[in-house]
Amino acid sequence: MNSFHSFIRALALATLSLMAGMGQDRQFQPPSASPQAAPQAVLAPCVADSLTLCLNNGRFQVRVTWQVPSQGTSGVGTGVALTGDTGYFWFFSPNNIELVLKVVDGRAVNGMYWVFYGALSNVEYTITVTDTITGTVKTYTNPSGNLASVADTAAFAGGNGLRAPDEEQASRVEETTSDAAPDLRPSTLDLRPLSSTEAGCSPSASELCLNDNRFKVEVSWRVPAQGTSGKATAVPLTGDTGQFWFFSSNNIELVIKVLDGRAVNGQYWVFYGALSNVEYTITVTDTQTGLVKTFVNPSGNLASVADTSGFSAAATPTPQPTSTPSPTATPTPGTGGTVRIVNVGPSGLNAFRDTASNTSTSSIKVGDTVQWVFQNTVMYHSATSGTCTSGGDPYGGGYTDCNPDGNFDSGTQTSPATYSKKFTSAGSFPYYCTVHGSIMTGMVVVNP
């Protein structure tokens, strides 16, 4: 890693651009893809350099430009090749990977080459992909504030030559024979520790230790239509970041990073971007405190996620379990009280709805339990205890107006997840969604 000051400066740049648009009150929209029909005047083979990736047998040239309008800064992404089909780009620091992209030969499925990419931040950027054989150019523009994973399975015409699909493509063909369209769901994440066992991580093919070996990341995946499941194979990239593949080492499925954001909001942050949409569960364990958080991706969902309230740096250490950690951090409701249900994101709304009061306020008694039921299969929400000091628009940096107090935190979840909290003392307990900030708040009032 670079020096602390260099890292913090890079982190601040990435943070400001992230804050510029995170948590908009809408579904994440994929960036626009604009093919240019006319071929280039002069065709030339792809030549890889620090700003250019040459993918899929060197046929496709990929370049990225970025800008942060609020800061008046812009630049060109630095490309790093990973496999013959896949590479990544960083913008601010080589330790902070921003974007991973692959070009897959899908001709055996639909006669086309496919372009996949997953983002680890929401900076404004433009991806330009050029087919150096035909001269066809396609651009993908991501607006500031959007966090996207995209699968374009009609990106480039493949021509007459068909080759047998690789292992990953064959799996997708089998999986989608009943649907006519290829299955491009984001795959699982499973990260392998980089080195040290000091913080409780031990190197293996299914674990990765990130951020000074503090965070252990594991992932499980499954394809119900095929009756298959397993763990991803992990490959470390930097001290903070790793990648995963499921079906073939040439086809990376998921990239994840854990950043130290304590200088911004006292939290460690978890980012991941997917290149397919397989069902998977990411399990992240803070080996210093024992806190476990899970991120569940439903089948068919293509996701890029930023959890900036992932792990509190001030969490109270807990003994490490002697067995495999539970796949969910949801506490079990206690006995002796009633359970109040609060629907999270009902009917696509960015809101909390208590089923008894039909408002965002739950009035219960000491000993009762509140259970939050996440109902949106696409948009991520959380139930995080704390207050928002203003009712302002969170899209312009309103995350700084909401501060967790550590009483409870569901983490970012989608349906069919639930989270429960038993309240053992009287008082008022405000909470909010870390994705939507001050526009999505609730209150638990506990009576004696």
Protein backbone atom coordinates (compact mmCIF):
# COMPACT_ATOMS: atom_id res chain seq x y z
CA MET A 1 0.00 0.00 0.00
CA ASN A 2 1.00 3.60 -0.44
CA SER A 3 1.66 5.88 2.48
CA PHE A 4 -1.23 6.73 4.76
CA HIS A 5 -1.46 10.30 3.52
CA SER A 6 -1.46 9.27 -0.13
CA PHE A 7 -4.15 6.73 0.56
CA ILE A 8 -6.33 9.18 2.47
CA ARG A 9 -6.02 11.71 -0.34
CA ALA A 10 -7.05 9.12 -2.90
CA LEU A 11 -9.80 7.91 -0.61
CA ALA A 12 -11.10 11.45 -0.19
CA LEU A 13 -11.29 11.91 -3.95
CA ALA A 14 -13.16 8.66 -4.38
CA THR A 15 -15.39 9.49 -1.42
CA LEU A 16 -16.40 12.90 -2.72
CA SER A 17 -17.32 11.48 -6.09
CA LEU A 18 -19.19 8.64 -4.41
CA MET A 19 -21.13 11.02 -2.18
CA ALA A 20 -22.13 13.13 -5.15
CA GLY A 21 -24.83 10.71 -6.19
CA MET A 22 -25.16 7.66 -4.00
CA GLY A 23 -28.56 6.54 -2.83
CA GLN A 24 -30.76 8.30 -5.38
CA ASP A 25 -34.47 7.75 -4.86
CA ARG A 26 -34.81 5.54 -7.88
CA GLN A 27 -33.80 2.17 -9.15
CA PHE A 28 -30.22 2.08 -10.37
CA GLN A 29 -30.36 2.61 -14.13
CA PRO A 30 -27.73 0.98 -16.33
CA PRO A 31 -25.50 3.42 -18.15
CA SER A 32 -26.41 4.08 -21.76
CA ALA A 33 -24.75 2.06 -24.50
CA SER A 34 -24.32 3.89 -27.81
CA PRO A 35 -22.98 1.90 -30.76
CA GLN A 36 -21.39 3.89 -33.56
CA ALA A 37 -22.40 2.27 -36.82
CA ALA A 38 -19.56 3.59 -38.98
CA PRO A 39 -16.25 1.73 -38.75
CA GLN A 40 -13.06 3.61 -38.05
CA ALA A 41 -11.33 5.08 -41.06
CA VAL A 42 -8.18 3.10 -40.38
CA LEU A 43 -8.27 -0.29 -38.69
CA ALA A 44 -5.27 -1.30 -36.61
CA PRO A 45 -4.55 -4.15 -34.20
CA CYS A 46 -4.99 -3.45 -30.51
CA VAL A 47 -1.78 -2.48 -28.74
CA ALA A 48 -1.93 -2.83 -24.96
CA ASP A 49 -0.47 -0.05 -22.83
CA SER A 50 -1.12 1.57 -19.45
CA LEU A 51 -4.33 3.16 -20.76
CA THR A 52 -5.54 0.37 -23.05
CA LEU A 53 -6.79 -3.18 -22.50
CA CYS A 54 -6.75 -5.66 -25.38
CA LEU A 55 -9.33 -8.38 -24.65
CA ASN A 56 -10.52 -11.63 -26.20
CA ASN A 57 -7.44 -12.65 -28.18
CA GLY A 58 -6.55 -8.98 -28.59
CA ARG A 59 -9.56 -8.28 -30.80
CA PHE A 60 -11.24 -5.69 -28.58
CA GLN A 61 -9.61 -2.44 -27.50
CA VAL A 62 -10.98 -0.93 -24.26
CA ARG A 63 -10.30 2.54 -22.86
CA VAL A 64 -11.97 4.54 -20.07
CA THR A 65 -12.18 8.25 -19.31
CA TRP A 66 -13.54 9.69 -16.05
CA GLN A 67 -14.47 13.02 -14.52
CA VAL A 68 -15.67 14.51 -11.25
CA PRO A 69 -17.56 17.69 -12.28
CA SER A 70 -17.96 18.94 -8.71
CA GLN A 71 -14.17 19.05 -8.36
CA GLY A 72 -13.39 20.07 -11.94
CA THR A 73 -11.15 17.02 -12.33
CA SER A 74 -10.95 14.42 -15.07
CA GLY A 75 -8.57 11.83 -16.42
CA VAL A 76 -8.02 8.53 -18.19
CA GLY A 77 -8.36 5.19 -16.41
CA THR A 78 -5.26 3.08 -15.96
CA GLY A 79 -5.86 -0.44 -17.28
CA VAL A 80 -4.49 -3.66 -15.82
CA ALA A 81 -4.99 -6.98 -17.61
CA LEU A 82 -6.17 -9.93 -15.52
CA THR A 83 -6.92 -12.67 -18.06
CA GLY A 84 -7.19 -12.83 -21.82
CA ASP A 85 -10.83 -11.73 -21.55
CA THR A 86 -10.80 -9.50 -18.47
CA GLY A 87 -9.10 -6.46 -16.98
CA TYR A 88 -9.69 -3.62 -14.56
CA PHE A 89 -9.19 0.14 -14.37
CA TRP A 90 -8.20 2.41 -11.50
CA PHE A 91 -8.71 6.19 -11.44
CA PHE A 92 -7.21 7.72 -8.28
CA SER A 93 -4.86 5.14 -6.79
CA PRO A 94 -3.62 1.71 -7.90
CA ASN A 95 -4.85 0.37 -4.56
CA ASN A 96 -8.44 1.41 -5.34
CA ILE A 97 -9.84 -0.51 -8.30
CA GLU A 98 -12.86 1.29 -9.74
CA LEU A 99 -14.07 -0.83 -12.65
CA VAL A 100 -13.67 -4.40 -13.93
CA LEU A 101 -14.63 -5.38 -17.47
CA LYS A 102 -14.61 -8.46 -19.68
CA VAL A 103 -15.45 -9.30 -23.29
CA VAL A 104 -16.79 -12.84 -23.70
CA ASP A 105 -17.19 -14.83 -26.92
CA GLY A 106 -20.90 -15.68 -26.81
CA ARG A 107 -21.17 -16.67 -30.48
CA ALA A 108 -22.11 -20.23 -29.58
CA VAL A 109 -25.18 -18.84 -27.80
CA ASN A 110 -26.40 -15.93 -29.94
CA GLY A 111 -23.73 -15.16 -32.52
CA MET A 112 -22.47 -12.13 -30.59
CA TYR A 113 -19.57 -11.01 -28.43
CA TRP A 114 -20.70 -9.93 -24.96
CA VAL A 115 -19.46 -7.02 -22.84
CA PHE A 116 -19.78 -7.17 -19.04
CA TYR A 117 -18.62 -4.66 -16.48
CA GLY A 118 -19.04 -4.06 -12.77
CA ALA A 119 -18.26 -0.84 -10.90
CA LEU A 120 -16.81 -0.36 -7.43
CA SER A 121 -17.60 3.37 -7.29
CA ASN A 122 -20.04 5.77 -8.94
CA VAL A 123 -17.73 8.29 -10.56
CA GLU A 124 -18.83 9.57 -13.96
CA TYR A 125 -17.01 7.62 -16.66
CA THR A 126 -17.20 6.56 -20.29
CA ILE A 127 -16.06 3.15 -21.52
CA THR A 128 -15.11 2.88 -25.20
CA VAL A 129 -14.87 -0.62 -26.70
CA THR A 130 -13.58 -1.02 -30.26
CA ASP A 131 -13.74 -4.17 -32.38
CA THR A 132 -10.42 -3.87 -34.20
CA ILE A 133 -11.53 -6.42 -36.81
CA THR A 134 -14.65 -4.57 -37.98
CA GLY A 135 -14.02 -1.08 -36.64
CA THR A 136 -17.32 -1.07 -34.75
CA VAL A 137 -17.25 1.14 -31.65
CA LYS A 138 -19.58 1.05 -28.64
CA THR A 139 -19.56 3.43 -25.71
CA TYR A 140 -21.06 2.99 -22.25
CA THR A 141 -21.57 6.19 -20.28
CA ASN A 142 -22.11 6.08 -16.53
CA PRO A 143 -23.60 9.27 -15.03
CA SER A 144 -22.24 10.70 -11.82
CA GLY A 145 -23.90 9.05 -8.81
CA ASN A 146 -24.82 5.81 -10.57
CA LEU A 147 -23.40 2.51 -9.31
CA ALA A 148 -23.85 -0.10 -12.01
CA SER A 149 -23.09 -3.57 -13.23
CA VAL A 150 -23.98 -4.09 -16.88
CA ALA A 151 -24.29 -7.09 -19.20
CA ASP A 152 -24.58 -6.33 -22.92
CA THR A 153 -25.11 -9.64 -24.71
CA ALA A 154 -25.59 -8.01 -28.09
CA ALA A 155 -22.51 -5.81 -28.03
CA PHE A 156 -20.71 -6.90 -31.20
CA ALA A 157 -21.66 -9.13 -34.12
CA GLY A 158 -19.47 -12.21 -34.07
CA GLY A 159 -19.14 -12.99 -37.76
CA ASN A 160 -19.35 -16.46 -39.26
CA GLY A 161 -16.80 -18.34 -37.19
CA LEU A 162 -18.26 -20.10 -34.15
CA ARG A 163 -16.20 -21.80 -31.52
CA ALA A 164 -17.32 -24.10 -28.75
CA PRO A 165 -18.36 -22.23 -25.60
CA ASP A 166 -16.00 -22.33 -22.67
CA GLU A 167 -17.02 -23.84 -19.35
CA GLU A 168 -18.83 -20.73 -18.13
CA GLN A 169 -20.75 -20.24 -21.36
CA ALA A 170 -21.73 -23.89 -21.47
CA SER A 171 -23.11 -23.57 -17.97
CA ARG A 172 -25.14 -20.56 -19.00
CA VAL A 173 -26.45 -22.35 -22.08
CA GLU A 174 -27.70 -25.22 -19.93
CA GLU A 175 -29.16 -22.88 -17.39
CA THR A 176 -31.16 -20.83 -19.87
CA THR A 177 -32.50 -23.42 -22.29
CA SER A 178 -36.01 -22.73 -21.02
CA ASP A 179 -35.67 -18.95 -21.18
CA ALA A 180 -34.28 -18.28 -24.67
CA ALA A 181 -31.96 -15.64 -23.20
CA PRO A 182 -28.55 -16.36 -21.65
CA ASP A 183 -28.32 -16.27 -17.88
CA LEU A 184 -26.02 -13.42 -16.89
CA ARG A 185 -26.58 -13.19 -13.17
CA PRO A 186 -23.78 -11.89 -10.93
CA SER A 187 -21.68 -14.73 -9.63
CA THR A 188 -20.50 -15.43 -6.14
CA LEU A 189 -17.72 -13.85 -4.28
CA ASP A 190 -15.14 -15.79 -2.35
CA LEU A 191 -11.91 -14.07 -1.41
CA ARG A 192 -8.68 -15.70 -0.33
CA PRO A 193 -6.53 -14.27 2.48
CA LEU A 194 -3.46 -12.44 1.30
CA SER A 195 -1.00 -13.54 3.96
CA SER A 196 -1.18 -13.03 7.70
CA THR A 197 -3.01 -15.11 10.26
CA GLU A 198 -2.50 -12.32 12.80
CA ALA A 199 -6.11 -11.09 12.56
CA GLY A 200 -7.71 -14.52 12.34
CA CYS A 201 -7.45 -15.05 8.57
CA SER A 202 -5.73 -18.07 7.09
CA PRO A 203 -4.89 -18.35 3.38
CA SER A 204 -7.03 -20.72 1.35
CA ALA A 205 -8.64 -20.95 -2.05
CA SER A 206 -11.98 -19.86 -0.63
CA GLU A 207 -11.00 -17.00 1.68
CA LEU A 208 -9.32 -13.66 1.26
CA CYS A 209 -8.12 -11.26 3.94
CA LEU A 210 -8.59 -7.62 2.99
CA ASN A 211 -7.50 -4.30 4.47
CA ASP A 212 -4.41 -5.25 6.48
CA ASN A 213 -5.77 -8.81 6.81
CA ARG A 214 -8.57 -7.65 9.09
CA PHE A 215 -11.56 -8.70 6.97
CA LYS A 216 -12.23 -12.26 5.86
CA VAL A 217 -14.49 -12.62 2.84
CA GLU A 218 -16.17 -15.84 1.73
CA VAL A 219 -18.83 -16.50 -0.91
CA SER A 220 -21.19 -19.29 -1.83
CA TRP A 221 -23.13 -19.54 -5.10
CA ARG A 222 -25.75 -21.74 -6.65
CA VAL A 223 -27.67 -22.26 -9.89
CA PRO A 224 -31.03 -23.75 -8.82
CA ALA A 225 -32.08 -24.53 -12.41
CA GLN A 226 -29.08 -26.86 -12.71
CA GLY A 227 -28.98 -28.07 -9.11
CA THR A 228 -25.38 -26.87 -8.83
CA SER A 229 -23.64 -24.85 -6.15
CA GLY A 230 -20.19 -24.18 -4.78
CA LYS A 231 -17.58 -21.66 -3.74
CA ALA A 232 -15.80 -19.24 -6.05
CA THR A 233 -12.10 -19.39 -6.65
CA ALA A 234 -10.43 -16.29 -5.25
CA VAL A 235 -7.55 -14.27 -6.60
CA PRO A 236 -6.10 -11.31 -4.62
CA LEU A 237 -5.47 -8.09 -6.53
CA THR A 238 -4.35 -5.52 -3.94
CA GLY A 239 -4.30 -5.33 -0.17
CA ASP A 240 -7.89 -4.09 -0.25
CA THR A 241 -9.32 -5.87 -3.29
CA GLY A 242 -9.83 -9.33 -4.75
CA GLN A 243 -11.60 -11.06 -7.64
CA PHE A 244 -13.55 -14.31 -8.02
CA TRP A 245 -14.45 -16.75 -10.75
CA PHE A 246 -16.91 -19.67 -10.74
CA PHE A 247 -16.86 -21.59 -13.99
CA SER A 248 -13.58 -20.68 -15.67
CA SER A 249 -10.46 -18.84 -14.58
CA ASN A 250 -10.71 -16.75 -17.75
CA ASN A 251 -14.12 -15.39 -16.75
CA ILE A 252 -14.05 -13.32 -13.59
CA GLU A 253 -17.46 -12.99 -11.97
CA LEU A 254 -17.06 -10.63 -9.04
CA VAL A 255 -14.67 -8.03 -7.62
CA ILE A 256 -14.83 -6.80 -4.02
CA LYS A 257 -12.90 -4.33 -1.91
CA VAL A 258 -12.93 -3.24 1.73
CA LEU A 259 -11.80 0.35 2.31
CA ASP A 260 -10.83 2.14 5.50
CA GLY A 261 -13.30 5.04 5.51
CA ARG A 262 -12.78 5.97 9.16
CA ALA A 263 -11.42 9.38 8.20
CA VAL A 264 -14.80 10.12 6.60
CA ASN A 265 -17.48 8.48 8.78
CA GLY A 266 -15.75 6.19 11.26
CA GLN A 267 -16.63 3.07 9.27
CA TYR A 268 -15.00 0.46 7.07
CA TRP A 269 -16.68 0.29 3.66
CA VAL A 270 -17.55 -2.73 1.52
CA PHE A 271 -17.85 -2.35 -2.27
CA TYR A 272 -18.49 -5.04 -4.85
CA GLY A 273 -19.29 -5.20 -8.55
CA ALA A 274 -20.55 -8.21 -10.48
CA LEU A 275 -19.99 -9.37 -14.04
CA SER A 276 -22.82 -11.93 -14.13
CA ASN A 277 -26.03 -12.55 -12.23
CA VAL A 278 -25.81 -15.96 -10.58
CA GLU A 279 -27.34 -16.27 -7.11
CA TYR A 280 -24.67 -15.76 -4.45
CA THR A 281 -24.10 -14.85 -0.80
CA ILE A 282 -21.09 -12.81 0.30
CA THR A 283 -20.03 -13.23 3.93
CA VAL A 284 -17.67 -10.59 5.33
CA THR A 285 -16.22 -11.11 8.82
CA ASP A 286 -14.36 -8.50 10.85
CA THR A 287 -11.86 -10.81 12.51
CA GLN A 288 -11.03 -8.24 15.20
CA THR A 289 -14.59 -7.83 16.47
CA GLY A 290 -16.32 -10.98 15.23
CA LEU A 291 -19.01 -8.96 13.45
CA VAL A 292 -20.40 -10.77 10.40
CA LYS A 293 -22.33 -9.18 7.53
CA THR A 294 -23.89 -10.95 4.57
CA PHE A 295 -24.84 -9.61 1.16
CA VAL A 296 -27.34 -11.78 -0.71
CA ASN A 297 -27.76 -11.44 -4.47
CA PRO A 298 -30.94 -13.07 -5.84
CA SER A 299 -30.90 -15.04 -9.05
CA GLY A 300 -31.24 -12.76 -12.07
CA ASN A 301 -29.95 -9.62 -10.37
CA LEU A 302 -26.90 -7.78 -11.73
CA ALA A 303 -25.51 -5.65 -8.93
CA SER A 304 -22.89 -3.15 -7.91
CA VAL A 305 -23.11 -2.30 -4.22
CA ALA A 306 -21.47 0.25 -1.91
CA ASP A 307 -22.04 -0.21 1.82
CA THR A 308 -20.44 2.79 3.52
CA SER A 309 -21.66 1.79 6.96
CA GLY A 310 -20.35 -1.72 6.71
CA PHE A 311 -18.34 -2.05 9.89
CA SER A 312 -17.89 0.37 12.74
CA ALA A 313 -14.30 0.87 13.77
CA ALA A 314 -15.47 1.26 17.38
CA ALA A 315 -17.36 -2.02 17.58
CA THR A 316 -16.87 -3.96 20.80
CA PRO A 317 -14.66 -6.99 20.25
CA THR A 318 -16.41 -10.33 20.64
CA PRO A 319 -14.91 -13.82 20.98
CA GLN A 320 -14.34 -15.60 17.68
CA PRO A 321 -16.70 -18.54 17.14
CA THR A 322 -15.22 -22.01 17.25
CA SER A 323 -17.41 -23.14 14.36
CA THR A 324 -18.28 -21.65 10.99
CA PRO A 325 -20.02 -18.26 11.47
CA SER A 326 -23.72 -18.08 10.81
CA PRO A 327 -24.46 -16.84 7.29
CA THR A 328 -26.54 -13.99 8.68
CA ALA A 329 -26.05 -11.42 11.40
CA THR A 330 -29.76 -11.31 12.16
CA PRO A 331 -30.41 -11.89 15.88
CA THR A 332 -33.12 -14.31 16.92
CA PRO A 333 -36.17 -12.62 18.47
CA GLY A 334 -36.38 -13.19 22.18
CA THR A 335 -39.22 -14.93 23.96
CA GLY A 336 -41.73 -13.31 26.30
CA GLY A 337 -42.76 -10.45 23.99
CA THR A 338 -44.54 -9.83 20.72
CA VAL A 339 -42.97 -9.38 17.30
CA ARG A 340 -43.83 -6.24 15.33
CA ILE A 341 -43.32 -6.39 11.55
CA VAL A 342 -41.93 -3.43 9.61
CA ASN A 343 -41.92 -3.79 5.82
CA VAL A 344 -38.86 -2.24 4.16
CA GLY A 345 -39.33 -0.90 0.63
CA PRO A 346 -42.95 -2.08 0.20
CA SER A 347 -44.38 -1.78 -3.33
CA GLY A 348 -41.08 -0.34 -4.52
CA LEU A 349 -41.31 2.65 -2.15
CA ASN A 350 -38.23 3.93 -0.36
CA ALA A 351 -39.94 3.80 3.02
CA PHE A 352 -40.43 1.85 6.26
CA ARG A 353 -44.03 0.71 6.94
CA ASP A 354 -45.08 -0.65 10.32
CA THR A 355 -47.85 -3.18 9.61
CA ALA A 356 -49.82 -2.08 12.69
CA SER A 357 -49.62 1.71 12.38
CA ASN A 358 -49.09 1.91 8.60
CA THR A 359 -46.49 4.60 9.32
CA SER A 360 -42.73 4.62 9.82
CA THR A 361 -43.18 4.62 13.63
CA SER A 362 -43.46 1.43 15.66
CA SER A 363 -44.84 1.70 19.20
CA ILE A 364 -43.98 -1.37 21.26
CA LYS A 365 -43.30 -2.41 24.86
CA VAL A 366 -40.11 -3.40 26.63
CA GLY A 367 -39.31 -6.99 25.70
CA ASP A 368 -40.97 -6.80 22.29
CA THR A 369 -39.11 -7.42 19.04
CA VAL A 370 -39.19 -5.50 15.80
CA GLN A 371 -38.60 -7.52 12.65
CA TRP A 372 -37.75 -5.66 9.45
CA VAL A 373 -38.83 -7.55 6.32
CA PHE A 374 -36.99 -6.49 3.16
CA GLN A 375 -39.43 -6.61 0.26
CA ASN A 376 -37.55 -5.18 -2.72
CA THR A 377 -35.61 -7.73 -4.80
CA VAL A 378 -33.61 -5.07 -6.69
CA MET A 379 -33.05 -1.99 -4.51
CA TYR A 380 -30.88 -2.36 -1.41
CA HIS A 381 -32.05 -0.90 1.92
CA SER A 382 -30.94 -1.04 5.53
CA ALA A 383 -32.36 -0.44 8.99
CA THR A 384 -29.53 1.34 10.80
CA SER A 385 -30.00 2.96 14.19
CA GLY A 386 -29.00 6.61 14.32
CA THR A 387 -30.17 10.09 13.46
CA CYS A 388 -30.19 12.34 10.43
CA THR A 389 -29.49 15.91 11.50
CA SER A 390 -31.28 17.45 8.53
CA GLY A 391 -34.04 16.54 6.15
CA GLY A 392 -31.99 17.64 3.18
CA ASP A 393 -31.41 15.82 -0.05
CA PRO A 394 -28.93 12.97 0.61
CA TYR A 395 -27.84 12.91 -3.02
CA GLY A 396 -25.71 16.02 -2.57
CA GLY A 397 -23.67 14.57 0.28
CA GLY A 398 -26.47 13.97 2.77
CA TYR A 399 -24.76 10.81 4.03
CA THR A 400 -22.75 13.07 6.29
CA ASP A 401 -26.06 14.22 7.83
CA CYS A 402 -26.90 10.70 9.03
CA ASN A 403 -24.87 9.15 11.82
CA PRO A 404 -25.19 5.60 13.18
CA ASP A 405 -25.27 5.21 16.95
CA GLY A 406 -24.35 1.52 17.10
CA ASN A 407 -27.57 0.22 18.65
CA PHE A 408 -28.45 -1.97 15.67
CA ASP A 409 -27.70 -2.32 11.98
CA SER A 410 -29.19 -4.75 9.48
CA GLY A 411 -26.63 -3.99 6.80
CA THR A 412 -27.78 -3.44 3.23
CA GLN A 413 -30.23 -6.15 2.22
CA THR A 414 -32.71 -7.15 -0.49
CA SER A 415 -35.66 -9.54 -0.41
CA PRO A 416 -36.04 -12.14 1.04
CA ALA A 417 -33.84 -10.98 3.95
CA THR A 418 -35.14 -10.14 7.45
CA TYR A 419 -33.54 -8.51 10.47
CA SER A 420 -34.78 -8.58 14.07
CA LYS A 421 -34.02 -6.58 17.19
CA LYS A 422 -35.37 -7.16 20.69
CA PHE A 423 -35.74 -3.94 22.71
CA THR A 424 -35.02 -4.38 26.42
CA SER A 425 -35.26 -0.77 27.61
CA ALA A 426 -37.74 2.08 27.20
CA GLY A 427 -37.00 5.02 24.96
CA SER A 428 -37.13 6.29 21.40
CA PHE A 429 -34.83 4.70 18.83
CA PRO A 430 -34.55 6.48 15.49
CA TYR A 431 -33.14 4.71 12.47
CA TYR A 432 -32.58 5.26 8.76
CA CYS A 433 -31.58 3.57 5.50
CA THR A 434 -27.89 4.00 4.69
CA VAL A 435 -28.68 3.85 0.97
CA HIS A 436 -31.29 6.65 1.03
CA GLY A 437 -30.19 8.71 4.00
CA SER A 438 -32.56 11.32 5.40
CA ILE A 439 -35.35 10.59 2.91
CA MET A 440 -35.93 7.13 4.42
CA THR A 441 -36.16 7.18 8.23
CA GLY A 442 -38.12 5.38 10.94
CA MET A 443 -38.65 5.34 14.68
CA VAL A 444 -39.15 2.66 17.33
CA VAL A 445 -40.88 3.95 20.48
CA VAL A 446 -40.47 1.51 23.36
CA ASN A 447 -42.92 1.98 26.22
CA PRO A 448 -42.35 0.61 29.77
